[in-house]
Amino acid sequence: MSFYQQTPEGLVVAVKAQPGARRAAIGPVLPAAPAPGWPDARLKIAVTAPPEDGRANEAIIAALAAWLGAKPAAITLTAGATARDKRFIVAAACGVPDV
């Protein structure tokens, strides 16, 4: 069960967002229904930012960048701007830590 896929554009990472959490956390990996263009699992990322005006998305990008060791500018939200299931592309070369 993998929450990421390597593509020519970069690393595609599927995330299950939890905005407004009491504390920020990354993990666990959750199973997800099959969807075209999406990995078969989601990495749960909890952030304290509220889901207003894109603040939670910015916090998720910052958390994902720190976790992957990439710059936030290298991460682009490609699907799910207002949904809890989100898809990001990481353009920089990076490794995926264990969850």
PDB file of N, CA and C in Angstrom:
ATOM      1  N   MET A   1       0.851  -1.167   0.000  1.00  0.00           N
ATOM      2  CA  MET A   1       0.000   0.000   0.000  1.00  0.00           C
ATOM      3  C   MET A   1       0.902   1.236   0.000  1.00  0.00           C
ATOM      4  N   SER A   2       0.845   2.004  -1.061  1.00  0.00           N
ATOM      5  CA  SER A   2       1.737   3.147  -1.214  1.00  0.00           C
ATOM      6  C   SER A   2       0.939   4.430  -1.421  1.00  0.00           C
ATOM      7  N   PHE A   3       1.364   5.500  -0.771  1.00  0.00           N
ATOM      8  CA  PHE A   3       0.706   6.795  -0.889  1.00  0.00           C
ATOM      9  C   PHE A   3       1.405   7.712  -1.885  1.00  0.00           C
ATOM     10  N   TYR A   4       2.415   7.199  -2.570  1.00  0.00           N
ATOM     11  CA  TYR A   4       3.136   8.014  -3.551  1.00  0.00           C
ATOM     12  C   TYR A   4       3.427   7.220  -4.818  1.00  0.00           C
ATOM     13  N   GLN A   5       3.667   7.969  -5.906  1.00  0.00           N
ATOM     14  CA  GLN A   5       4.046   7.386  -7.194  1.00  0.00           C
ATOM     15  C   GLN A   5       5.116   8.273  -7.811  1.00  0.00           C
ATOM     16  N   GLN A   6       6.111   7.672  -8.414  1.00  0.00           N
ATOM     17  CA  GLN A   6       7.116   8.434  -9.138  1.00  0.00           C
ATOM     18  C   GLN A   6       6.635   8.598 -10.576  1.00  0.00           C
ATOM     19  N   THR A   7       6.590   9.829 -11.072  1.00  0.00           N
ATOM     20  CA  THR A   7       6.169  10.123 -12.449  1.00  0.00           C
ATOM     21  C   THR A   7       7.236  10.994 -13.106  1.00  0.00           C
ATOM     22  N   PRO A   8       7.148  11.198 -14.429  1.00  0.00           N
ATOM     23  CA  PRO A   8       8.115  12.089 -15.087  1.00  0.00           C
ATOM     24  C   PRO A   8       8.055  13.533 -14.554  1.00  0.00           C
ATOM     25  N   GLU A   9       6.890  13.962 -14.059  1.00  0.00           N
ATOM     26  CA  GLU A   9       6.751  15.330 -13.536  1.00  0.00           C
ATOM     27  C   GLU A   9       7.350  15.469 -12.138  1.00  0.00           C
ATOM     28  N   GLY A  10       7.460  14.358 -11.433  1.00  0.00           N
ATOM     29  CA  GLY A  10       7.980  14.387 -10.070  1.00  0.00           C
ATOM     30  C   GLY A  10       7.320  13.324  -9.219  1.00  0.00           C
ATOM     31  N   LEU A  11       7.391  13.498  -7.921  1.00  0.00           N
ATOM     32  CA  LEU A  11       6.819  12.559  -6.972  1.00  0.00           C
ATOM     33  C   LEU A  11       5.382  12.978  -6.667  1.00  0.00           C
ATOM     34  N   VAL A  12       4.418  12.110  -6.968  1.00  0.00           N
ATOM     35  CA  VAL A  12       3.011  12.377  -6.659  1.00  0.00           C
ATOM     36  C   VAL A  12       2.724  11.809  -5.281  1.00  0.00           C
ATOM     37  N   VAL A  13       2.228  12.663  -4.380  1.00  0.00           N
ATOM     38  CA  VAL A  13       1.938  12.261  -3.008  1.00  0.00           C
ATOM     39  C   VAL A  13       0.453  12.490  -2.734  1.00  0.00           C
ATOM     40  N   ALA A  14      -0.244  11.442  -2.294  1.00  0.00           N
ATOM     41  CA  ALA A  14      -1.657  11.545  -1.938  1.00  0.00           C
ATOM     42  C   ALA A  14      -1.773  11.711  -0.428  1.00  0.00           C
ATOM     43  N   VAL A  15      -2.575  12.703  -0.012  1.00  0.00           N
ATOM     44  CA  VAL A  15      -2.673  13.081   1.395  1.00  0.00           C
ATOM     45  C   VAL A  15      -4.124  13.071   1.838  1.00  0.00           C
ATOM     46  N   LYS A  16      -4.344  12.628   3.064  1.00  0.00           N
ATOM     47  CA  LYS A  16      -5.634  12.766   3.745  1.00  0.00           C
ATOM     48  C   LYS A  16      -5.421  13.867   4.776  1.00  0.00           C
ATOM     49  N   ALA A  17      -6.037  15.035   4.554  1.00  0.00           N
ATOM     50  CA  ALA A  17      -5.819  16.199   5.404  1.00  0.00           C
ATOM     51  C   ALA A  17      -6.716  16.175   6.630  1.00  0.00           C
ATOM     52  N   GLN A  18      -6.171  16.632   7.747  1.00  0.00           N
ATOM     53  CA  GLN A  18      -6.950  16.847   8.959  1.00  0.00           C
ATOM     54  C   GLN A  18      -6.636  18.253   9.462  1.00  0.00           C
ATOM     55  N   PRO A  19      -7.362  19.270   8.927  1.00  0.00           N
ATOM     56  CA  PRO A  19      -7.132  20.639   9.380  1.00  0.00           C
ATOM     57  C   PRO A  19      -7.757  20.872  10.757  1.00  0.00           C
ATOM     58  N   GLY A  20      -7.255  21.880  11.458  1.00  0.00           N
ATOM     59  CA  GLY A  20      -7.806  22.223  12.756  1.00  0.00           C
ATOM     60  C   GLY A  20      -7.527  21.206  13.841  1.00  0.00           C
ATOM     61  N   ALA A  21      -6.472  20.427  13.684  1.00  0.00           N
ATOM     62  CA  ALA A  21      -6.125  19.400  14.681  1.00  0.00           C
ATOM     63  C   ALA A  21      -5.525  20.053  15.926  1.00  0.00           C
ATOM     64  N   ARG A  22      -5.569  19.349  17.035  1.00  0.00           N
ATOM     65  CA  ARG A  22      -4.967  19.865  18.273  1.00  0.00           C
ATOM     66  C   ARG A  22      -3.450  19.965  18.161  1.00  0.00           C
ATOM     67  N   ARG A  23      -2.857  18.993  17.440  1.00  0.00           N
ATOM     68  CA  ARG A  23      -1.413  19.033  17.237  1.00  0.00           C
ATOM     69  C   ARG A  23      -1.102  18.536  15.838  1.00  0.00           C
ATOM     70  N   ALA A  24      -0.009  19.034  15.296  1.00  0.00           N
ATOM     71  CA  ALA A  24       0.414  18.640  13.957  1.00  0.00           C
ATOM     72  C   ALA A  24       1.076  17.267  14.009  1.00  0.00           C
ATOM     73  N   ALA A  25       0.796  16.444  12.999  1.00  0.00           N
ATOM     74  CA  ALA A  25       1.379  15.102  12.939  1.00  0.00           C
ATOM     75  C   ALA A  25       1.348  14.592  11.505  1.00  0.00           C
ATOM     76  N   ILE A  26       2.274  13.698  11.197  1.00  0.00           N
ATOM     77  CA  ILE A  26       2.306  13.045   9.888  1.00  0.00           C
ATOM     78  C   ILE A  26       2.218  11.545  10.124  1.00  0.00           C
ATOM     79  N   GLY A  27       1.258  10.901   9.438  1.00  0.00           N
ATOM     80  CA  GLY A  27       1.061   9.464   9.548  1.00  0.00           C
ATOM     81  C   GLY A  27      -0.184   9.173  10.333  1.00  0.00           C
ATOM     82  N   PRO A  28      -0.721   8.034  10.209  1.00  0.00           N
ATOM     83  CA  PRO A  28      -0.284   6.834   9.488  1.00  0.00           C
ATOM     84  C   PRO A  28      -0.705   6.882   8.008  1.00  0.00           C
ATOM     85  N   VAL A  29      -0.415   5.803   7.306  1.00  0.00           N
ATOM     86  CA  VAL A  29      -0.867   5.635   5.930  1.00  0.00           C
ATOM     87  C   VAL A  29      -2.221   4.934   5.975  1.00  0.00           C
ATOM     88  N   LEU A  30      -3.200   5.531   5.294  1.00  0.00           N
ATOM     89  CA  LEU A  30      -4.566   5.005   5.303  1.00  0.00           C
ATOM     90  C   LEU A  30      -4.936   4.425   3.942  1.00  0.00           C
ATOM     91  N   PRO A  31      -5.654   3.315   3.900  1.00  0.00           N
ATOM     92  CA  PRO A  31      -6.106   2.773   2.617  1.00  0.00           C
ATOM     93  C   PRO A  31      -7.144   3.711   2.001  1.00  0.00           C
ATOM     94  N   ALA A  32      -7.240   3.669   0.677  1.00  0.00           N
ATOM     95  CA  ALA A  32      -8.189   4.526  -0.029  1.00  0.00           C
ATOM     96  C   ALA A  32      -8.793   3.755  -1.194  1.00  0.00           C
ATOM     97  N   ALA A  33      -9.953   4.209  -1.625  1.00  0.00           N
ATOM     98  CA  ALA A  33     -10.606   3.596  -2.783  1.00  0.00           C
ATOM     99  C   ALA A  33      -9.781   3.883  -4.034  1.00  0.00           C
ATOM    100  N   PRO A  34      -9.735   2.943  -4.976  1.00  0.00           N
ATOM    101  CA  PRO A  34      -8.978   3.167  -6.206  1.00  0.00           C
ATOM    102  C   PRO A  34      -9.548   4.342  -7.001  1.00  0.00           C
ATOM    103  N   ALA A  35      -8.647   5.170  -7.521  1.00  0.00           N
ATOM    104  CA  ALA A  35      -9.038   6.302  -8.344  1.00  0.00           C
ATOM    105  C   ALA A  35      -7.963   6.509  -9.405  1.00  0.00           C
ATOM    106  N   PRO A  36      -8.352   6.793 -10.648  1.00  0.00           N
ATOM    107  CA  PRO A  36      -7.362   6.979 -11.707  1.00  0.00           C
ATOM    108  C   PRO A  36      -6.422   8.150 -11.403  1.00  0.00           C
ATOM    109  N   GLY A  37      -5.125   7.914 -11.550  1.00  0.00           N
ATOM    110  CA  GLY A  37      -4.141   8.960 -11.327  1.00  0.00           C
ATOM    111  C   GLY A  37      -3.764   9.181  -9.881  1.00  0.00           C
ATOM    112  N   TRP A  38      -4.342   8.390  -8.981  1.00  0.00           N
ATOM    113  CA  TRP A  38      -4.055   8.535  -7.553  1.00  0.00           C
ATOM    114  C   TRP A  38      -3.379   7.270  -7.042  1.00  0.00           C
ATOM    115  N   PRO A  39      -2.446   7.401  -6.092  1.00  0.00           N
ATOM    116  CA  PRO A  39      -1.906   6.214  -5.426  1.00  0.00           C
ATOM    117  C   PRO A  39      -3.016   5.500  -4.655  1.00  0.00           C
ATOM    118  N   ASP A  40      -2.777   4.251  -4.243  1.00  0.00           N
ATOM    119  CA  ASP A  40      -3.833   3.452  -3.611  1.00  0.00           C
ATOM    120  C   ASP A  40      -3.958   3.657  -2.105  1.00  0.00           C
ATOM    121  N   ALA A  41      -3.268   4.658  -1.556  1.00  0.00           N
ATOM    122  CA  ALA A  41      -3.355   4.965  -0.124  1.00  0.00           C
ATOM    123  C   ALA A  41      -3.172   6.467   0.055  1.00  0.00           C
ATOM    124  N   ARG A  42      -3.411   6.943   1.275  1.00  0.00           N
ATOM    125  CA  ARG A  42      -3.246   8.360   1.588  1.00  0.00           C
ATOM    126  C   ARG A  42      -2.385   8.479   2.837  1.00  0.00           C
ATOM    127  N   LEU A  43      -1.474   9.443   2.838  1.00  0.00           N
ATOM    128  CA  LEU A  43      -0.678   9.774   4.007  1.00  0.00           C
ATOM    129  C   LEU A  43      -1.457  10.798   4.817  1.00  0.00           C
ATOM    130  N   LYS A  44      -1.790  10.466   6.049  1.00  0.00           N
ATOM    131  CA  LYS A  44      -2.559  11.391   6.883  1.00  0.00           C
ATOM    132  C   LYS A  44      -1.630  12.478   7.402  1.00  0.00           C
ATOM    133  N   ILE A  45      -2.030  13.741   7.187  1.00  0.00           N
ATOM    134  CA  ILE A  45      -1.285  14.878   7.708  1.00  0.00           C
ATOM    135  C   ILE A  45      -2.260  15.756   8.486  1.00  0.00           C
ATOM    136  N   ALA A  46      -2.004  15.888   9.782  1.00  0.00           N
ATOM    137  CA  ALA A  46      -2.816  16.731  10.653  1.00  0.00           C
ATOM    138  C   ALA A  46      -2.084  18.053  10.853  1.00  0.00           C
ATOM    139  N   VAL A  47      -2.805  19.167  10.684  1.00  0.00           N
ATOM    140  CA  VAL A  47      -2.231  20.495  10.899  1.00  0.00           C
ATOM    141  C   VAL A  47      -3.164  21.294  11.804  1.00  0.00           C
ATOM    142  N   THR A  48      -2.602  22.229  12.532  1.00  0.00           N
ATOM    143  CA  THR A  48      -3.399  23.038  13.444  1.00  0.00           C
ATOM    144  C   THR A  48      -4.119  24.178  12.732  1.00  0.00           C
ATOM    145  N   ALA A  49      -3.705  24.517  11.529  1.00  0.00           N
ATOM    146  CA  ALA A  49      -4.322  25.619  10.784  1.00  0.00           C
ATOM    147  C   ALA A  49      -5.761  25.276  10.414  1.00  0.00           C
ATOM    148  N   PRO A  50      -6.641  26.280  10.447  1.00  0.00           N
ATOM    149  CA  PRO A  50      -8.036  26.031  10.078  1.00  0.00           C
ATOM    150  C   PRO A  50      -8.196  25.910   8.560  1.00  0.00           C
ATOM    151  N   PRO A  51      -9.271  25.260   8.112  1.00  0.00           N
ATOM    152  CA  PRO A  51      -9.487  25.111   6.662  1.00  0.00           C
ATOM    153  C   PRO A  51     -10.138  26.360   6.062  1.00  0.00           C
ATOM    154  N   GLU A  52      -9.513  27.502   6.260  1.00  0.00           N
ATOM    155  CA  GLU A  52     -10.044  28.769   5.765  1.00  0.00           C
ATOM    156  C   GLU A  52      -8.998  29.483   4.926  1.00  0.00           C
ATOM    157  N   ASP A  53      -9.418  30.007   3.800  1.00  0.00           N
ATOM    158  CA  ASP A  53      -8.558  30.819   2.932  1.00  0.00           C
ATOM    159  C   ASP A  53      -7.256  30.123   2.545  1.00  0.00           C
ATOM    160  N   GLY A  54      -7.267  28.805   2.449  1.00  0.00           N
ATOM    161  CA  GLY A  54      -6.090  28.063   2.027  1.00  0.00           C
ATOM    162  C   GLY A  54      -5.003  27.923   3.082  1.00  0.00           C
ATOM    163  N   ARG A  55      -5.292  28.324   4.314  1.00  0.00           N
ATOM    164  CA  ARG A  55      -4.260  28.255   5.358  1.00  0.00           C
ATOM    165  C   ARG A  55      -3.880  26.815   5.687  1.00  0.00           C
ATOM    166  N   ALA A  56      -4.845  25.910   5.695  1.00  0.00           N
ATOM    167  CA  ALA A  56      -4.522  24.507   5.961  1.00  0.00           C
ATOM    168  C   ALA A  56      -3.675  23.929   4.826  1.00  0.00           C
ATOM    169  N   ASN A  57      -3.983  24.283   3.582  1.00  0.00           N
ATOM    170  CA  ASN A  57      -3.178  23.798   2.452  1.00  0.00           C
ATOM    171  C   ASN A  57      -1.734  24.279   2.570  1.00  0.00           C
ATOM    172  N   GLU A  58      -1.544  25.540   2.951  1.00  0.00           N
ATOM    173  CA  GLU A  58      -0.190  26.073   3.124  1.00  0.00           C
ATOM    174  C   GLU A  58       0.538  25.338   4.248  1.00  0.00           C
ATOM    175  N   ALA A  59      -0.164  25.050   5.330  1.00  0.00           N
ATOM    176  CA  ALA A  59       0.448  24.330   6.449  1.00  0.00           C
ATOM    177  C   ALA A  59       0.808  22.900   6.051  1.00  0.00           C
ATOM    178  N   ILE A  60      -0.032  22.260   5.246  1.00  0.00           N
ATOM    179  CA  ILE A  60       0.258  20.901   4.775  1.00  0.00           C
ATOM    180  C   ILE A  60       1.478  20.908   3.867  1.00  0.00           C
ATOM    181  N   ILE A  61       1.576  21.893   2.987  1.00  0.00           N
ATOM    182  CA  ILE A  61       2.748  22.001   2.111  1.00  0.00           C
ATOM    183  C   ILE A  61       4.008  22.197   2.938  1.00  0.00           C
ATOM    184  N   ALA A  62       3.941  23.054   3.960  1.00  0.00           N
ATOM    185  CA  ALA A  62       5.112  23.284   4.815  1.00  0.00           C
ATOM    186  C   ALA A  62       5.505  22.007   5.568  1.00  0.00           C
ATOM    187  N   ALA A  63       4.518  21.285   6.089  1.00  0.00           N
ATOM    188  CA  ALA A  63       4.800  20.041   6.813  1.00  0.00           C
ATOM    189  C   ALA A  63       5.372  18.980   5.884  1.00  0.00           C
ATOM    190  N   LEU A  64       4.797  18.857   4.697  1.00  0.00           N
ATOM    191  CA  LEU A  64       5.267  17.885   3.713  1.00  0.00           C
ATOM    192  C   LEU A  64       6.688  18.213   3.266  1.00  0.00           C
ATOM    193  N   ALA A  65       6.974  19.493   3.058  1.00  0.00           N
ATOM    194  CA  ALA A  65       8.314  19.915   2.646  1.00  0.00           C
ATOM    195  C   ALA A  65       9.346  19.582   3.723  1.00  0.00           C
ATOM    196  N   ALA A  66       9.013  19.871   4.965  1.00  0.00           N
ATOM    197  CA  ALA A  66       9.946  19.568   6.059  1.00  0.00           C
ATOM    198  C   ALA A  66      10.168  18.068   6.187  1.00  0.00           C
ATOM    199  N   TRP A  67       9.114  17.289   6.046  1.00  0.00           N
ATOM    200  CA  TRP A  67       9.195  15.837   6.177  1.00  0.00           C
ATOM    201  C   TRP A  67      10.017  15.209   5.053  1.00  0.00           C
ATOM    202  N   LEU A  68       9.843  15.735   3.822  1.00  0.00           N
ATOM    203  CA  LEU A  68      10.558  15.182   2.667  1.00  0.00           C
ATOM    204  C   LEU A  68      11.946  15.792   2.482  1.00  0.00           C
ATOM    205  N   GLY A  69      12.217  16.897   3.150  1.00  0.00           N
ATOM    206  CA  GLY A  69      13.495  17.575   2.963  1.00  0.00           C
ATOM    207  C   GLY A  69      13.548  18.357   1.664  1.00  0.00           C
ATOM    208  N   ALA A  70      12.403  18.860   1.222  1.00  0.00           N
ATOM    209  CA  ALA A  70      12.315  19.646  -0.009  1.00  0.00           C
ATOM    210  C   ALA A  70      11.901  21.077   0.345  1.00  0.00           C
ATOM    211  N   LYS A  71      12.045  21.981  -0.590  1.00  0.00           N
ATOM    212  CA  LYS A  71      11.597  23.355  -0.373  1.00  0.00           C
ATOM    213  C   LYS A  71      10.097  23.425  -0.636  1.00  0.00           C
ATOM    214  N   PRO A  72       9.368  24.242   0.133  1.00  0.00           N
ATOM    215  CA  PRO A  72       7.920  24.374  -0.101  1.00  0.00           C
ATOM    216  C   PRO A  72       7.579  24.818  -1.530  1.00  0.00           C
ATOM    217  N   ALA A  73       8.449  25.595  -2.145  1.00  0.00           N
ATOM    218  CA  ALA A  73       8.193  26.063  -3.510  1.00  0.00           C
ATOM    219  C   ALA A  73       8.218  24.922  -4.525  1.00  0.00           C
ATOM    220  N   ALA A  74       8.818  23.791  -4.168  1.00  0.00           N
ATOM    221  CA  ALA A  74       8.902  22.640  -5.073  1.00  0.00           C
ATOM    222  C   ALA A  74       7.654  21.766  -5.003  1.00  0.00           C
ATOM    223  N   ILE A  75       6.715  22.095  -4.108  1.00  0.00           N
ATOM    224  CA  ILE A  75       5.513  21.283  -3.919  1.00  0.00           C
ATOM    225  C   ILE A  75       4.301  22.041  -4.445  1.00  0.00           C
ATOM    226  N   THR A  76       3.528  21.373  -5.300  1.00  0.00           N
ATOM    227  CA  THR A  76       2.345  21.982  -5.907  1.00  0.00           C
ATOM    228  C   THR A  76       1.120  21.129  -5.613  1.00  0.00           C
ATOM    229  N   LEU A  77       0.055  21.787  -5.171  1.00  0.00           N
ATOM    230  CA  LEU A  77      -1.234  21.117  -4.976  1.00  0.00           C
ATOM    231  C   LEU A  77      -1.896  20.973  -6.333  1.00  0.00           C
ATOM    232  N   THR A  78      -2.159  19.731  -6.751  1.00  0.00           N
ATOM    233  CA  THR A  78      -2.733  19.503  -8.080  1.00  0.00           C
ATOM    234  C   THR A  78      -4.188  19.075  -8.047  1.00  0.00           C
ATOM    235  N   ALA A  79      -4.673  18.612  -6.899  1.00  0.00           N
ATOM    236  CA  ALA A  79      -6.082  18.199  -6.793  1.00  0.00           C
ATOM    237  C   ALA A  79      -6.505  18.249  -5.332  1.00  0.00           C
ATOM    238  N   GLY A  80      -7.753  18.653  -5.098  1.00  0.00           N
ATOM    239  CA  GLY A  80      -8.314  18.620  -3.763  1.00  0.00           C
ATOM    240  C   GLY A  80      -8.128  19.884  -2.956  1.00  0.00           C
ATOM    241  N   ALA A  81      -8.144  21.040  -3.590  1.00  0.00           N
ATOM    242  CA  ALA A  81      -7.916  22.297  -2.870  1.00  0.00           C
ATOM    243  C   ALA A  81      -8.898  22.499  -1.724  1.00  0.00           C
ATOM    244  N   THR A  82     -10.150  22.057  -1.890  1.00  0.00           N
ATOM    245  CA  THR A  82     -11.150  22.231  -0.835  1.00  0.00           C
ATOM    246  C   THR A  82     -11.617  20.899  -0.254  1.00  0.00           C
ATOM    247  N   ALA A  83     -10.939  19.821  -0.585  1.00  0.00           N
ATOM    248  CA  ALA A  83     -11.321  18.490  -0.100  1.00  0.00           C
ATOM    249  C   ALA A  83     -10.291  17.983   0.905  1.00  0.00           C
ATOM    250  N   ARG A  84     -10.650  16.942   1.640  1.00  0.00           N
ATOM    251  CA  ARG A  84      -9.684  16.347   2.569  1.00  0.00           C
ATOM    252  C   ARG A  84      -8.681  15.444   1.849  1.00  0.00           C
ATOM    253  N   ASP A  85      -9.087  14.824   0.740  1.00  0.00           N
ATOM    254  CA  ASP A  85      -8.150  14.055  -0.084  1.00  0.00           C
ATOM    255  C   ASP A  85      -7.466  15.023  -1.034  1.00  0.00           C
ATOM    256  N   LYS A  86      -6.144  15.102  -0.955  1.00  0.00           N
ATOM    257  CA  LYS A  86      -5.372  16.046  -1.757  1.00  0.00           C
ATOM    258  C   LYS A  86      -4.255  15.311  -2.476  1.00  0.00           C
ATOM    259  N   ARG A  87      -3.874  15.835  -3.626  1.00  0.00           N
ATOM    260  CA  ARG A  87      -2.761  15.269  -4.391  1.00  0.00           C
ATOM    261  C   ARG A  87      -1.744  16.376  -4.642  1.00  0.00           C
ATOM    262  N   PHE A  88      -0.496  16.092  -4.322  1.00  0.00           N
ATOM    263  CA  PHE A  88       0.596  17.046  -4.496  1.00  0.00           C
ATOM    264  C   PHE A  88       1.631  16.452  -5.435  1.00  0.00           C
ATOM    265  N   ILE A  89       2.344  17.327  -6.155  1.00  0.00           N
ATOM    266  CA  ILE A  89       3.509  16.902  -6.936  1.00  0.00           C
ATOM    267  C   ILE A  89       4.722  17.607  -6.353  1.00  0.00           C
ATOM    268  N   VAL A  90       5.748  16.815  -6.053  1.00  0.00           N
ATOM    269  CA  VAL A  90       7.008  17.339  -5.544  1.00  0.00           C
ATOM    270  C   VAL A  90       7.993  17.321  -6.715  1.00  0.00           C
ATOM    271  N   ALA A  91       8.379  18.516  -7.194  1.00  0.00           N
ATOM    272  CA  ALA A  91       9.244  18.617  -8.373  1.00  0.00           C
ATOM    273  C   ALA A  91      10.710  18.338  -8.030  1.00  0.00           C
ATOM    274  N   ALA A  92      11.108  18.562  -6.801  1.00  0.00           N
ATOM    275  CA  ALA A  92      12.505  18.354  -6.403  1.00  0.00           C
ATOM    276  C   ALA A  92      12.780  16.871  -6.162  1.00  0.00           C
ATOM    277  N   ALA A  93      14.006  16.489  -6.370  1.00  0.00           N
ATOM    278  CA  ALA A  93      14.407  15.108  -6.076  1.00  0.00           C
ATOM    279  C   ALA A  93      14.482  14.943  -4.561  1.00  0.00           C
ATOM    280  N   CYS A  94      13.789  13.943  -4.052  1.00  0.00           N
ATOM    281  CA  CYS A  94      13.804  13.709  -2.598  1.00  0.00           C
ATOM    282  C   CYS A  94      13.463  12.244  -2.332  1.00  0.00           C
ATOM    283  N   GLY A  95      13.836  11.810  -1.186  1.00  0.00           N
ATOM    284  CA  GLY A  95      13.497  10.466  -0.751  1.00  0.00           C
ATOM    285  C   GLY A  95      12.250  10.504   0.131  1.00  0.00           C
ATOM    286  N   VAL A  96      11.570   9.385   0.247  1.00  0.00           N
ATOM    287  CA  VAL A  96      10.371   9.303   1.061  1.00  0.00           C
ATOM    288  C   VAL A  96      10.731   8.562   2.352  1.00  0.00           C
ATOM    289  N   PRO A  97      10.627   9.251   3.509  1.00  0.00           N
ATOM    290  CA  PRO A  97      10.930   8.586   4.780  1.00  0.00           C
ATOM    291  C   PRO A  97       9.909   7.494   5.102  1.00  0.00           C
ATOM    292  N   ASP A  98      10.277   6.607   5.986  1.00  0.00           N
ATOM    293  CA  ASP A  98       9.329   5.588   6.456  1.00  0.00           C
ATOM    294  C   ASP A  98       8.276   6.233   7.331  1.00  0.00           C
ATOM    295  N   VAL A  99       7.075   5.669   7.282  1.00  0.00           N
ATOM    296  CA  VAL A  99       5.975   6.189   8.107  1.00  0.00           C
ATOM    297  C   VAL A  99       5.700   5.207   9.220  1.00  0.00           C
TER     298      VAL A  99
END
